[in-house]
């Protein structure tokens, strides 16, 4: 079952984000999926918030590409560490396009039942993404230096 569950998660990222086919969301998520997303005060149900999130990502970062860095499955759960790459070419929460290269990661944990995602937990590096876009100043250590966090892809 783990291989089938991993294939479902790969399909979600490949088809809905990388190819922009958001109809896949309704095929892989159960109609009553429970979502646990950072910054959302109450856990929403249903695939509509996933549509909204992916549409927002694709609007702010047209052509965004997701690459699965790690994919681990056991029992009914799949954990994906995913990196997203794309310059900020579109509107993001009222912030004009800057064409700055950006990359960010998120970790998603999916619970899958009968071939559909029935629950999802997510965590992402919002601060790192906002720093890359110049919206939030980078962290400066006690010597006045910006620590090397790697380069944007």
N, C-alpha and C. Protein backbone atom coordinates (compact mmCIF):
# COMPACT_ATOMS: atom_id res chain seq x y z
N UNK A 1 0.81 -1.20 0.00
CA UNK A 1 0.00 0.00 0.00
C UNK A 1 0.86 1.27 0.00
N UNK A 2 2.03 1.21 0.61
CA UNK A 2 2.88 2.39 0.69
C UNK A 2 3.27 2.93 -0.68
N UNK A 3 3.57 2.02 -1.61
CA UNK A 3 3.95 2.47 -2.96
C UNK A 3 2.79 3.18 -3.65
N UNK A 4 1.57 2.67 -3.49
CA UNK A 4 0.40 3.33 -4.09
C UNK A 4 0.17 4.70 -3.46
N UNK A 5 0.34 4.78 -2.14
CA UNK A 5 0.15 6.07 -1.46
C UNK A 5 1.20 7.08 -1.89
N UNK A 6 2.44 6.66 -2.04
CA UNK A 6 3.49 7.55 -2.52
C UNK A 6 3.20 8.02 -3.94
N UNK A 7 2.70 7.11 -4.78
CA UNK A 7 2.36 7.48 -6.16
C UNK A 7 1.26 8.54 -6.19
N UNK A 8 0.30 8.43 -5.27
CA UNK A 8 -0.77 9.42 -5.19
C UNK A 8 -0.22 10.81 -4.85
N UNK A 9 0.70 10.88 -3.91
CA UNK A 9 1.30 12.16 -3.52
C UNK A 9 2.16 12.71 -4.66
N UNK A 10 2.92 11.85 -5.31
CA UNK A 10 3.71 12.30 -6.48
C UNK A 10 2.79 12.90 -7.55
N UNK A 11 1.68 12.23 -7.78
CA UNK A 11 0.71 12.71 -8.78
C UNK A 11 0.17 14.08 -8.40
N UNK A 12 -0.14 14.28 -7.13
CA UNK A 12 -0.65 15.57 -6.67
C UNK A 12 0.30 16.70 -7.05
N UNK A 13 1.56 16.57 -6.70
CA UNK A 13 2.52 17.64 -6.99
C UNK A 13 2.80 17.76 -8.49
N UNK A 14 2.99 16.64 -9.16
CA UNK A 14 3.35 16.68 -10.58
C UNK A 14 2.25 17.28 -11.44
N UNK A 15 1.02 16.83 -11.22
CA UNK A 15 -0.06 17.27 -12.10
C UNK A 15 -0.68 18.59 -11.67
N UNK A 16 -0.90 18.78 -10.38
CA UNK A 16 -1.61 20.00 -9.97
C UNK A 16 -0.70 21.21 -9.91
N UNK A 17 0.50 21.07 -9.39
CA UNK A 17 1.39 22.24 -9.31
C UNK A 17 2.28 22.36 -10.54
N UNK A 18 3.00 21.32 -10.86
CA UNK A 18 3.96 21.43 -11.97
C UNK A 18 3.28 21.61 -13.32
N UNK A 19 2.15 20.95 -13.53
CA UNK A 19 1.44 21.07 -14.82
C UNK A 19 0.26 22.03 -14.76
N UNK A 20 -0.17 22.40 -13.56
CA UNK A 20 -1.27 23.36 -13.42
C UNK A 20 -2.65 22.76 -13.59
N UNK A 21 -2.78 21.44 -13.50
CA UNK A 21 -4.09 20.80 -13.63
C UNK A 21 -4.73 20.67 -12.24
N UNK A 22 -5.45 21.71 -11.84
CA UNK A 22 -6.03 21.73 -10.49
C UNK A 22 -7.21 20.78 -10.35
N UNK A 23 -7.71 20.20 -11.45
CA UNK A 23 -8.79 19.22 -11.32
C UNK A 23 -8.32 17.96 -10.60
N UNK A 24 -7.02 17.73 -10.60
CA UNK A 24 -6.45 16.56 -9.91
C UNK A 24 -6.75 16.63 -8.41
N UNK A 25 -6.83 17.83 -7.87
CA UNK A 25 -7.10 17.99 -6.43
C UNK A 25 -8.38 17.25 -6.05
N UNK A 26 -9.42 17.40 -6.84
CA UNK A 26 -10.69 16.74 -6.54
C UNK A 26 -10.62 15.23 -6.70
N UNK A 27 -9.65 14.76 -7.45
CA UNK A 27 -9.49 13.33 -7.65
C UNK A 27 -8.69 12.66 -6.54
N UNK A 28 -7.75 13.38 -5.94
CA UNK A 28 -6.89 12.76 -4.93
C UNK A 28 -7.32 13.07 -3.49
N UNK A 29 -8.05 14.15 -3.29
CA UNK A 29 -8.53 14.48 -1.94
C UNK A 29 -9.95 13.97 -1.77
N UNK A 30 -10.24 13.43 -0.58
CA UNK A 30 -11.60 13.04 -0.24
C UNK A 30 -12.44 14.30 -0.09
N UNK A 31 -13.73 14.24 -0.39
CA UNK A 31 -14.59 15.43 -0.28
C UNK A 31 -14.64 16.02 1.13
N UNK A 32 -14.39 15.19 2.15
CA UNK A 32 -14.44 15.67 3.53
C UNK A 32 -13.05 15.70 4.18
N UNK A 33 -12.00 15.84 3.37
CA UNK A 33 -10.63 15.87 3.89
C UNK A 33 -10.50 16.93 4.98
N UNK A 34 -9.79 16.60 6.05
CA UNK A 34 -9.52 17.57 7.12
C UNK A 34 -8.11 18.11 6.91
N UNK A 35 -7.99 19.43 6.89
CA UNK A 35 -6.71 20.09 6.59
C UNK A 35 -6.21 20.82 7.82
N UNK A 36 -4.92 20.70 8.07
CA UNK A 36 -4.26 21.39 9.17
C UNK A 36 -3.15 22.24 8.55
N UNK A 37 -3.47 23.49 8.19
CA UNK A 37 -2.53 24.37 7.50
C UNK A 37 -2.06 25.47 8.45
N UNK A 38 -0.78 25.83 8.39
CA UNK A 38 -0.29 26.92 9.24
C UNK A 38 -0.97 28.24 8.86
N UNK A 39 -1.28 29.01 9.87
CA UNK A 39 -1.88 30.32 9.64
C UNK A 39 -3.38 30.29 9.44
N UNK A 40 -3.97 29.11 9.44
CA UNK A 40 -5.42 28.99 9.29
C UNK A 40 -5.98 28.68 10.68
N UNK A 41 -6.78 29.60 11.24
CA UNK A 41 -7.19 29.44 12.64
C UNK A 41 -8.05 28.21 12.92
N UNK A 42 -8.90 27.82 12.04
CA UNK A 42 -9.71 26.63 12.23
C UNK A 42 -9.40 25.66 11.11
N UNK A 43 -9.34 24.39 11.44
CA UNK A 43 -9.02 23.39 10.43
C UNK A 43 -10.17 23.30 9.42
N UNK A 44 -9.90 23.67 8.17
CA UNK A 44 -10.96 23.57 7.16
C UNK A 44 -11.14 22.13 6.69
N UNK A 45 -12.28 21.89 6.08
CA UNK A 45 -12.59 20.59 5.51
C UNK A 45 -12.85 20.76 4.02
N UNK A 46 -12.54 19.72 3.27
CA UNK A 46 -12.83 19.71 1.85
C UNK A 46 -11.66 20.22 1.02
N UNK A 47 -11.67 19.93 -0.27
CA UNK A 47 -10.57 20.30 -1.16
C UNK A 47 -10.53 21.77 -1.57
N UNK A 48 -11.58 22.56 -1.28
CA UNK A 48 -11.60 23.96 -1.72
C UNK A 48 -10.39 24.75 -1.21
N UNK A 49 -9.99 24.64 0.08
CA UNK A 49 -8.81 25.39 0.51
C UNK A 49 -7.53 24.98 -0.22
N UNK A 50 -7.45 23.73 -0.64
CA UNK A 50 -6.27 23.28 -1.41
C UNK A 50 -6.28 23.96 -2.78
N UNK A 51 -7.45 24.01 -3.41
CA UNK A 51 -7.58 24.74 -4.68
C UNK A 51 -7.12 26.19 -4.50
N UNK A 52 -7.58 26.83 -3.44
CA UNK A 52 -7.24 28.24 -3.20
C UNK A 52 -5.73 28.40 -2.98
N UNK A 53 -5.12 27.52 -2.20
CA UNK A 53 -3.69 27.60 -1.93
C UNK A 53 -2.89 27.41 -3.22
N UNK A 54 -3.21 26.37 -4.00
CA UNK A 54 -2.45 26.10 -5.21
C UNK A 54 -2.67 27.20 -6.25
N UNK A 55 -3.88 27.74 -6.34
CA UNK A 55 -4.14 28.84 -7.27
C UNK A 55 -3.33 30.07 -6.87
N UNK A 56 -3.30 30.37 -5.56
CA UNK A 56 -2.52 31.51 -5.08
C UNK A 56 -1.03 31.32 -5.40
N UNK A 57 -0.51 30.11 -5.18
CA UNK A 57 0.90 29.84 -5.48
C UNK A 57 1.18 30.02 -6.97
N UNK A 58 0.30 29.51 -7.81
CA UNK A 58 0.52 29.61 -9.25
C UNK A 58 0.32 31.04 -9.76
N UNK A 59 -0.56 31.83 -9.10
CA UNK A 59 -0.72 33.24 -9.48
C UNK A 59 0.50 34.06 -9.10
N UNK A 60 1.03 33.82 -7.91
CA UNK A 60 2.19 34.58 -7.44
C UNK A 60 3.48 34.13 -8.10
N UNK A 61 3.56 32.84 -8.40
CA UNK A 61 4.77 32.25 -8.98
C UNK A 61 4.37 31.43 -10.22
N UNK A 62 3.99 32.12 -11.32
CA UNK A 62 3.56 31.38 -12.52
C UNK A 62 4.64 30.39 -12.96
N UNK A 63 4.22 29.18 -13.21
CA UNK A 63 5.18 28.15 -13.62
C UNK A 63 5.95 27.53 -12.47
N UNK A 64 5.48 27.74 -11.24
CA UNK A 64 6.17 27.17 -10.08
C UNK A 64 6.40 25.68 -10.28
N UNK A 65 7.54 25.21 -9.85
CA UNK A 65 7.86 23.79 -9.94
C UNK A 65 8.13 23.24 -8.55
N UNK A 66 7.51 22.12 -8.27
CA UNK A 66 7.69 21.43 -7.00
C UNK A 66 8.57 20.22 -7.25
N UNK A 67 9.58 20.07 -6.42
CA UNK A 67 10.40 18.86 -6.52
C UNK A 67 10.38 18.17 -5.16
N UNK A 68 10.04 16.91 -5.19
CA UNK A 68 9.98 16.13 -3.95
C UNK A 68 11.40 15.75 -3.58
N UNK A 69 11.84 16.27 -2.44
CA UNK A 69 13.20 16.01 -1.96
C UNK A 69 13.24 14.71 -1.16
N UNK A 70 12.20 14.44 -0.37
CA UNK A 70 12.10 13.21 0.41
C UNK A 70 10.65 12.78 0.40
N UNK A 71 10.43 11.48 0.32
CA UNK A 71 9.09 10.91 0.35
C UNK A 71 9.16 9.61 1.15
N UNK A 72 8.47 9.60 2.29
CA UNK A 72 8.52 8.46 3.19
C UNK A 72 7.09 8.02 3.47
N UNK A 73 6.86 6.72 3.41
CA UNK A 73 5.51 6.20 3.66
C UNK A 73 5.58 5.04 4.64
N UNK A 74 4.61 5.05 5.52
CA UNK A 74 4.43 3.92 6.43
C UNK A 74 2.97 3.87 6.82
N UNK A 75 2.42 2.69 6.73
CA UNK A 75 1.00 2.53 7.06
C UNK A 75 0.16 3.40 6.14
N UNK A 76 -0.73 4.19 6.74
CA UNK A 76 -1.62 5.04 5.94
C UNK A 76 -1.10 6.47 5.76
N UNK A 77 0.16 6.72 6.15
CA UNK A 77 0.70 8.08 6.08
C UNK A 77 1.86 8.17 5.08
N UNK A 78 1.92 9.35 4.42
CA UNK A 78 3.03 9.68 3.54
C UNK A 78 3.54 11.05 3.95
N UNK A 79 4.84 11.16 4.13
CA UNK A 79 5.47 12.43 4.47
C UNK A 79 6.29 12.88 3.26
N UNK A 80 6.06 14.13 2.84
CA UNK A 80 6.78 14.68 1.69
C UNK A 80 7.47 15.97 2.10
N UNK A 81 8.78 16.03 1.85
CA UNK A 81 9.52 17.29 1.98
C UNK A 81 9.71 17.78 0.56
N UNK A 82 9.10 18.93 0.28
CA UNK A 82 9.00 19.41 -1.09
C UNK A 82 9.66 20.78 -1.19
N UNK A 83 10.44 20.98 -2.24
CA UNK A 83 11.03 22.28 -2.53
C UNK A 83 10.31 22.88 -3.72
N UNK A 84 10.00 24.17 -3.61
CA UNK A 84 9.34 24.91 -4.68
C UNK A 84 10.32 25.94 -5.22
N UNK A 85 10.33 26.10 -6.55
CA UNK A 85 11.27 27.01 -7.19
C UNK A 85 10.55 27.84 -8.23
N UNK A 86 10.78 29.16 -8.17
CA UNK A 86 10.24 30.03 -9.22
C UNK A 86 10.48 31.49 -8.83
N UNK A 87 10.84 32.33 -9.79
CA UNK A 87 10.90 33.76 -9.50
C UNK A 87 9.50 34.29 -9.18
N UNK A 88 9.46 35.32 -8.36
CA UNK A 88 8.20 35.97 -7.99
C UNK A 88 7.78 36.85 -9.17
N UNK A 89 6.94 36.30 -10.05
CA UNK A 89 6.52 36.99 -11.27
C UNK A 89 5.09 37.51 -11.20
N UNK A 90 4.34 37.16 -10.18
CA UNK A 90 2.93 37.54 -10.10
C UNK A 90 2.62 38.22 -8.78
N UNK A 91 1.34 38.49 -8.56
CA UNK A 91 0.90 39.16 -7.34
C UNK A 91 0.89 38.17 -6.17
N UNK A 92 1.38 38.64 -5.03
CA UNK A 92 1.38 37.83 -3.81
C UNK A 92 0.93 38.71 -2.66
N UNK A 93 -0.24 38.42 -2.13
CA UNK A 93 -0.84 39.16 -1.01
C UNK A 93 -0.58 40.67 -1.11
N UNK A 94 -0.85 41.23 -2.29
CA UNK A 94 -0.71 42.66 -2.50
C UNK A 94 0.70 43.12 -2.81
N UNK A 95 1.64 42.22 -2.95
CA UNK A 95 3.03 42.56 -3.23
C UNK A 95 3.27 42.42 -4.72
N UNK A 96 3.75 43.48 -5.33
CA UNK A 96 3.97 43.49 -6.78
C UNK A 96 5.07 42.50 -7.16
N UNK A 97 5.03 41.99 -8.40
CA UNK A 97 6.07 41.07 -8.87
C UNK A 97 7.45 41.71 -8.78
N UNK A 98 8.41 40.91 -8.39
CA UNK A 98 9.78 41.40 -8.25
C UNK A 98 10.78 40.63 -9.10
N UNK A 99 10.35 39.51 -9.67
CA UNK A 99 11.20 38.65 -10.49
C UNK A 99 12.44 38.17 -9.74
N UNK A 100 12.41 38.22 -8.42
CA UNK A 100 13.53 37.69 -7.64
C UNK A 100 13.44 36.16 -7.63
N UNK A 101 14.57 35.50 -7.80
CA UNK A 101 14.54 34.04 -7.67
C UNK A 101 14.12 33.68 -6.25
N UNK A 102 13.35 32.66 -6.12
CA UNK A 102 12.96 32.23 -4.79
C UNK A 102 12.78 30.72 -4.76
N UNK A 103 13.03 30.19 -3.61
CA UNK A 103 12.76 28.77 -3.37
C UNK A 103 12.37 28.64 -1.91
N UNK A 104 11.49 27.74 -1.65
CA UNK A 104 11.06 27.50 -0.28
C UNK A 104 10.68 26.04 -0.14
N UNK A 105 10.64 25.61 1.07
CA UNK A 105 10.30 24.21 1.32
C UNK A 105 9.06 24.12 2.19
N UNK A 106 8.44 22.98 2.11
CA UNK A 106 7.34 22.67 3.02
C UNK A 106 7.38 21.18 3.28
N UNK A 107 6.81 20.82 4.39
CA UNK A 107 6.66 19.42 4.73
C UNK A 107 5.17 19.15 4.85
N UNK A 108 4.72 18.16 4.13
CA UNK A 108 3.32 17.75 4.17
C UNK A 108 3.24 16.32 4.66
N UNK A 109 2.31 16.10 5.55
CA UNK A 109 2.00 14.74 6.01
C UNK A 109 0.58 14.44 5.58
N UNK A 110 0.42 13.38 4.84
CA UNK A 110 -0.88 12.98 4.31
C UNK A 110 -1.31 11.68 4.96
N UNK A 111 -2.58 11.61 5.33
CA UNK A 111 -3.18 10.33 5.73
C UNK A 111 -4.09 9.91 4.59
N UNK A 112 -3.90 8.70 4.12
CA UNK A 112 -4.60 8.23 2.92
C UNK A 112 -5.46 7.02 3.28
N UNK A 113 -6.68 7.04 2.80
CA UNK A 113 -7.62 5.94 3.03
C UNK A 113 -8.34 5.65 1.72
N UNK A 114 -8.27 4.40 1.30
CA UNK A 114 -8.93 3.96 0.06
C UNK A 114 -8.56 4.82 -1.15
N UNK A 115 -7.28 5.14 -1.25
CA UNK A 115 -6.79 5.84 -2.43
C UNK A 115 -7.07 7.34 -2.47
N UNK A 116 -7.50 7.93 -1.35
CA UNK A 116 -7.76 9.38 -1.30
C UNK A 116 -7.13 9.97 -0.05
N UNK A 117 -6.71 11.21 -0.16
CA UNK A 117 -6.16 11.92 0.99
C UNK A 117 -7.35 12.32 1.88
N UNK A 118 -7.33 11.87 3.13
CA UNK A 118 -8.42 12.16 4.06
C UNK A 118 -8.00 13.14 5.15
N UNK A 119 -6.69 13.36 5.29
CA UNK A 119 -6.20 14.34 6.26
C UNK A 119 -4.82 14.79 5.83
N UNK A 120 -4.51 16.07 6.10
CA UNK A 120 -3.21 16.62 5.73
C UNK A 120 -2.76 17.62 6.77
N UNK A 121 -1.50 17.51 7.15
CA UNK A 121 -0.83 18.48 8.01
C UNK A 121 0.26 19.13 7.16
N UNK A 122 0.47 20.42 7.33
CA UNK A 122 1.48 21.11 6.52
C UNK A 122 2.29 22.06 7.40
N UNK A 123 3.54 22.23 7.03
CA UNK A 123 4.41 23.22 7.65
C UNK A 123 5.29 23.77 6.55
N UNK A 124 5.54 25.08 6.58
CA UNK A 124 6.33 25.69 5.51
C UNK A 124 7.20 26.81 6.08
N UNK A 125 8.19 27.21 5.30
CA UNK A 125 9.14 28.24 5.71
C UNK A 125 8.70 29.59 5.14
N UNK A 126 7.65 30.17 5.73
CA UNK A 126 7.16 31.47 5.26
C UNK A 126 8.20 32.57 5.46
N UNK A 127 8.85 32.58 6.61
CA UNK A 127 9.82 33.64 6.90
C UNK A 127 10.96 33.63 5.89
N UNK A 128 11.49 32.44 5.58
CA UNK A 128 12.56 32.35 4.60
C UNK A 128 12.14 32.85 3.23
N UNK A 129 10.90 32.51 2.82
CA UNK A 129 10.40 32.97 1.53
C UNK A 129 10.25 34.49 1.52
N UNK A 130 9.70 35.06 2.58
CA UNK A 130 9.53 36.51 2.64
C UNK A 130 10.88 37.23 2.67
N UNK A 131 11.87 36.63 3.31
CA UNK A 131 13.21 37.23 3.32
C UNK A 131 13.81 37.21 1.91
N UNK A 132 13.65 36.12 1.18
CA UNK A 132 14.17 36.05 -0.18
C UNK A 132 13.56 37.10 -1.08
N UNK A 133 12.28 37.41 -0.85
CA UNK A 133 11.59 38.41 -1.66
C UNK A 133 11.87 39.83 -1.21
N UNK A 134 12.62 39.99 -0.11
CA UNK A 134 12.95 41.31 0.39
C UNK A 134 11.82 41.98 1.15
N UNK A 135 10.81 41.21 1.53
CA UNK A 135 9.66 41.75 2.24
C UNK A 135 9.98 41.86 3.73
N UNK A 136 10.73 40.90 4.22
CA UNK A 136 11.18 40.89 5.61
C UNK A 136 12.70 40.94 5.57
N UNK A 137 13.33 41.79 6.39
CA UNK A 137 14.79 41.84 6.37
C UNK A 137 15.39 40.51 6.83
N UNK A 138 16.55 40.15 6.28
CA UNK A 138 17.18 38.90 6.69
C UNK A 138 17.67 38.98 8.13
N UNK A 139 17.80 37.84 8.75
CA UNK A 139 18.35 37.76 10.10
C UNK A 139 19.81 38.16 10.06
N UNK A 140 20.23 38.94 11.01
CA UNK A 140 21.63 39.35 11.13
C UNK A 140 22.14 38.80 12.44
N UNK A 141 23.30 38.12 12.41
CA UNK A 141 23.84 37.56 13.65
C UNK A 141 24.53 38.66 14.46
N UNK A 142 25.07 38.31 15.60
CA UNK A 142 25.64 39.29 16.52
C UNK A 142 26.84 40.02 15.94
N UNK A 143 27.48 39.46 14.90
CA UNK A 143 28.62 40.14 14.28
C UNK A 143 28.18 41.08 13.17
N UNK A 144 26.87 41.15 12.91
CA UNK A 144 26.37 42.01 11.85
C UNK A 144 26.33 41.35 10.50
N UNK A 145 26.60 40.05 10.45
CA UNK A 145 26.63 39.30 9.19
C UNK A 145 25.31 38.57 8.98
N UNK A 146 24.93 38.44 7.72
CA UNK A 146 23.76 37.63 7.37
C UNK A 146 24.26 36.20 7.21
N UNK A 147 23.74 35.26 8.03
CA UNK A 147 24.19 33.87 7.89
C UNK A 147 23.85 33.33 6.51
N UNK A 148 24.72 32.47 5.99
CA UNK A 148 24.50 31.86 4.68
C UNK A 148 23.45 30.79 4.80
N UNK A 149 22.29 31.00 4.18
CA UNK A 149 21.21 30.01 4.19
C UNK A 149 21.17 29.25 2.88
N UNK A 150 22.23 29.33 2.11
CA UNK A 150 22.21 28.69 0.79
C UNK A 150 21.73 29.72 -0.23
N UNK A 151 21.72 29.34 -1.45
CA UNK A 151 21.29 30.25 -2.51
C UNK A 151 19.96 29.82 -3.05
N UNK A 152 19.20 30.78 -3.53
CA UNK A 152 17.91 30.47 -4.16
C UNK A 152 18.18 29.77 -5.48
N UNK A 153 17.33 28.83 -5.80
CA UNK A 153 17.51 28.09 -7.05
C UNK A 153 16.79 28.81 -8.15
